[in-house]
Each structure stands twice: as C-alpha cells, then as structure tokens.
C-alpha cells in the first residue's frame, strides 16, 4: 500500500528519495526500485554511509535542478 502512494509523489525533477526501512525482503526492494527511488537501505544501517549517500544525492539533485551551478 505504501508503494502505491509513494509512486504518485516520486518525481525525479523535484528531488531524491532514500528508502530507509526495516523490511529487507526482495519484493519490497524491487517495488521500491521500480517506482524509481534512489536508494533502498535496510536496518541496521551505517550512519556514515547514509550521510554520504544523502550528501551525494543532494549534490546530484541540485545539479539537475540548477545546471548553471556546474560552472
């Protein structure tokens, strides 16, 4: 059910989506990636890894939304 709602709001032009969940089964991961989430991370997770992933996604999102910032 959650995937149904997320699919309606995911828009690559408006940002990035990191899916952080306790559900590690393959079906949930495939559904998440099918609606175009950027990352699917299961608990337990490494906080430093999550921070770096978020920073990288934010950087890419800013470059996509504001291509003039590449110079």
N, C-alpha and C. Protein backbone atom coordinates (compact mmCIF):
# COMPACT_ATOMS: atom_id res chain seq x y z
N UNK A 1 0.82 -1.20 0.00
CA UNK A 1 0.00 0.00 0.00
C UNK A 1 0.86 1.26 0.00
N UNK A 2 1.93 1.26 0.78
CA UNK A 2 2.81 2.41 0.83
C UNK A 2 3.40 2.72 -0.54
N UNK A 3 3.74 1.67 -1.29
CA UNK A 3 4.33 1.88 -2.61
C UNK A 3 3.35 2.57 -3.55
N UNK A 4 2.07 2.27 -3.41
CA UNK A 4 1.05 2.91 -4.24
C UNK A 4 1.08 4.42 -4.04
N UNK A 5 1.15 4.87 -2.78
CA UNK A 5 1.18 6.30 -2.50
C UNK A 5 2.50 6.95 -2.90
N UNK A 6 3.59 6.28 -2.63
CA UNK A 6 4.90 6.82 -2.99
C UNK A 6 5.04 7.01 -4.49
N UNK A 7 4.50 6.07 -5.25
CA UNK A 7 4.60 6.15 -6.71
C UNK A 7 3.96 7.43 -7.23
N UNK A 8 2.93 7.91 -6.60
CA UNK A 8 2.25 9.13 -7.03
C UNK A 8 3.06 10.39 -6.72
N UNK A 9 3.94 10.32 -5.72
CA UNK A 9 4.68 11.51 -5.31
C UNK A 9 6.13 11.55 -5.77
N UNK A 10 6.67 10.43 -6.19
CA UNK A 10 8.07 10.40 -6.63
C UNK A 10 8.17 11.11 -7.97
N UNK A 11 9.02 12.12 -8.00
CA UNK A 11 9.24 12.87 -9.24
C UNK A 11 10.72 13.23 -9.26
N UNK A 12 11.45 12.67 -10.17
CA UNK A 12 12.89 12.87 -10.20
C UNK A 12 13.27 14.33 -10.41
N UNK A 13 12.42 15.12 -10.96
CA UNK A 13 12.74 16.52 -11.20
C UNK A 13 12.66 17.36 -9.92
N UNK A 14 12.03 16.82 -8.90
CA UNK A 14 11.83 17.59 -7.67
C UNK A 14 12.64 17.09 -6.48
N UNK A 15 13.51 16.15 -6.68
CA UNK A 15 14.31 15.68 -5.56
C UNK A 15 14.68 14.23 -5.65
N UNK A 16 15.17 13.73 -4.55
CA UNK A 16 15.64 12.35 -4.47
C UNK A 16 14.91 11.65 -3.33
N UNK A 17 14.90 10.33 -3.39
CA UNK A 17 14.22 9.56 -2.35
C UNK A 17 15.11 8.42 -1.89
N UNK A 18 15.40 8.42 -0.58
CA UNK A 18 16.11 7.31 0.05
C UNK A 18 15.09 6.55 0.88
N UNK A 19 14.96 5.28 0.60
CA UNK A 19 14.01 4.43 1.31
C UNK A 19 14.77 3.76 2.45
N UNK A 20 14.49 4.14 3.69
CA UNK A 20 15.13 3.56 4.87
C UNK A 20 14.08 2.74 5.60
N UNK A 21 14.33 1.44 5.71
CA UNK A 21 13.28 0.55 6.20
C UNK A 21 13.85 -0.62 7.00
N UNK A 22 13.01 -1.26 7.75
CA UNK A 22 13.36 -2.48 8.45
C UNK A 22 13.00 -3.71 7.64
N UNK A 23 12.36 -3.50 6.50
CA UNK A 23 11.91 -4.61 5.66
C UNK A 23 13.00 -4.94 4.64
N UNK A 24 13.58 -6.10 4.78
CA UNK A 24 14.71 -6.48 3.94
C UNK A 24 14.35 -7.51 2.87
N UNK A 25 13.06 -7.74 2.66
CA UNK A 25 12.73 -8.78 1.68
C UNK A 25 12.86 -8.26 0.25
N UNK A 26 13.10 -9.16 -0.66
CA UNK A 26 13.40 -8.82 -2.05
C UNK A 26 12.23 -8.13 -2.76
N UNK A 27 11.01 -8.52 -2.45
CA UNK A 27 9.84 -7.93 -3.10
C UNK A 27 9.74 -6.43 -2.79
N UNK A 28 9.93 -6.07 -1.53
CA UNK A 28 9.87 -4.65 -1.16
C UNK A 28 10.96 -3.85 -1.85
N UNK A 29 12.15 -4.42 -1.92
CA UNK A 29 13.26 -3.72 -2.56
C UNK A 29 12.97 -3.52 -4.05
N UNK A 30 12.48 -4.54 -4.71
CA UNK A 30 12.17 -4.44 -6.14
C UNK A 30 11.05 -3.43 -6.38
N UNK A 31 10.01 -3.44 -5.55
CA UNK A 31 8.92 -2.47 -5.69
C UNK A 31 9.44 -1.05 -5.50
N UNK A 32 10.31 -0.87 -4.52
CA UNK A 32 10.88 0.45 -4.26
C UNK A 32 11.68 0.94 -5.46
N UNK A 33 12.53 0.10 -5.98
CA UNK A 33 13.35 0.49 -7.13
C UNK A 33 12.50 0.68 -8.38
N UNK A 34 11.40 -0.07 -8.49
CA UNK A 34 10.51 0.06 -9.65
C UNK A 34 9.83 1.42 -9.70
N UNK A 35 9.61 2.05 -8.54
CA UNK A 35 8.99 3.38 -8.56
C UNK A 35 10.05 4.47 -8.60
N UNK A 36 11.29 4.06 -8.84
CA UNK A 36 12.38 4.99 -9.11
C UNK A 36 12.94 5.68 -7.88
N UNK A 37 12.97 4.96 -6.74
CA UNK A 37 13.68 5.51 -5.59
C UNK A 37 15.17 5.46 -5.88
N UNK A 38 15.92 6.30 -5.23
CA UNK A 38 17.35 6.37 -5.49
C UNK A 38 18.15 5.35 -4.70
N UNK A 39 17.76 5.10 -3.48
CA UNK A 39 18.47 4.15 -2.61
C UNK A 39 17.45 3.39 -1.77
N UNK A 40 17.75 2.13 -1.50
CA UNK A 40 16.94 1.30 -0.60
C UNK A 40 17.87 0.76 0.46
N UNK A 41 17.75 1.27 1.68
CA UNK A 41 18.65 0.91 2.77
C UNK A 41 17.85 0.24 3.87
N UNK A 42 18.34 -0.91 4.34
CA UNK A 42 17.65 -1.63 5.40
C UNK A 42 18.37 -1.47 6.73
N UNK A 43 17.61 -1.59 7.81
CA UNK A 43 18.18 -1.54 9.15
C UNK A 43 18.82 -2.88 9.45
N UNK A 44 19.86 -2.96 10.20
CA UNK A 44 20.64 -1.85 10.73
C UNK A 44 21.46 -1.22 9.61
N UNK A 45 21.70 0.05 9.70
CA UNK A 45 22.46 0.74 8.67
C UNK A 45 23.59 1.52 9.31
N UNK A 46 24.57 1.85 8.52
CA UNK A 46 25.71 2.63 8.98
C UNK A 46 25.38 4.10 8.80
N UNK A 47 25.42 4.87 9.87
CA UNK A 47 25.05 6.29 9.82
C UNK A 47 25.96 7.08 8.88
N UNK A 48 27.24 6.76 8.86
CA UNK A 48 28.16 7.48 7.97
C UNK A 48 27.84 7.19 6.51
N UNK A 49 27.51 5.93 6.23
CA UNK A 49 27.14 5.57 4.86
C UNK A 49 25.89 6.31 4.43
N UNK A 50 24.90 6.38 5.30
CA UNK A 50 23.66 7.10 4.98
C UNK A 50 23.93 8.58 4.76
N UNK A 51 24.79 9.17 5.58
CA UNK A 51 25.14 10.59 5.43
C UNK A 51 25.80 10.86 4.08
N UNK A 52 26.72 10.00 3.69
CA UNK A 52 27.41 10.17 2.41
C UNK A 52 26.44 9.98 1.24
N UNK A 53 25.58 8.97 1.33
CA UNK A 53 24.58 8.75 0.27
C UNK A 53 23.67 9.97 0.14
N UNK A 54 23.21 10.49 1.27
CA UNK A 54 22.32 11.66 1.24
C UNK A 54 23.03 12.87 0.64
N UNK A 55 24.26 13.09 1.04
CA UNK A 55 25.04 14.22 0.51
C UNK A 55 25.23 14.09 -1.01
N UNK A 56 25.56 12.89 -1.46
CA UNK A 56 25.75 12.68 -2.90
C UNK A 56 24.47 12.88 -3.69
N UNK A 57 23.36 12.36 -3.16
CA UNK A 57 22.07 12.54 -3.84
C UNK A 57 21.67 14.01 -3.88
N UNK A 58 21.90 14.70 -2.79
CA UNK A 58 21.58 16.12 -2.75
C UNK A 58 22.41 16.90 -3.77
N UNK A 59 23.68 16.58 -3.87
CA UNK A 59 24.54 17.25 -4.85
C UNK A 59 24.05 17.01 -6.28
N UNK A 60 23.72 15.74 -6.58
CA UNK A 60 23.22 15.43 -7.93
C UNK A 60 21.89 16.12 -8.21
N UNK A 61 21.01 16.16 -7.21
CA UNK A 61 19.71 16.79 -7.37
C UNK A 61 19.86 18.28 -7.63
N UNK A 62 20.75 18.93 -6.91
CA UNK A 62 20.98 20.36 -7.12
C UNK A 62 21.50 20.60 -8.53
N UNK A 63 22.41 19.75 -9.00
CA UNK A 63 22.95 19.92 -10.36
C UNK A 63 21.88 19.71 -11.43
N UNK A 64 20.97 18.80 -11.19
CA UNK A 64 19.90 18.55 -12.14
C UNK A 64 18.91 19.72 -12.16
N UNK A 65 18.57 20.21 -10.96
CA UNK A 65 17.59 21.30 -10.88
C UNK A 65 18.19 22.66 -11.26
N UNK A 66 19.51 22.81 -11.07
CA UNK A 66 20.18 24.08 -11.33
C UNK A 66 21.46 23.83 -12.13
N UNK A 67 21.34 23.50 -13.40
CA UNK A 67 22.54 23.18 -14.19
C UNK A 67 23.54 24.33 -14.28
N UNK A 68 23.11 25.54 -14.04
CA UNK A 68 24.03 26.68 -14.08
C UNK A 68 25.06 26.62 -12.96
N UNK A 69 24.81 25.80 -11.92
CA UNK A 69 25.74 25.71 -10.79
C UNK A 69 26.93 24.78 -11.09
N UNK A 70 26.98 24.21 -12.28
CA UNK A 70 28.08 23.31 -12.62
C UNK A 70 29.35 24.06 -12.96
N UNK A 71 29.26 25.33 -13.14
CA UNK A 71 30.45 26.11 -13.52
C UNK A 71 31.07 26.82 -12.38
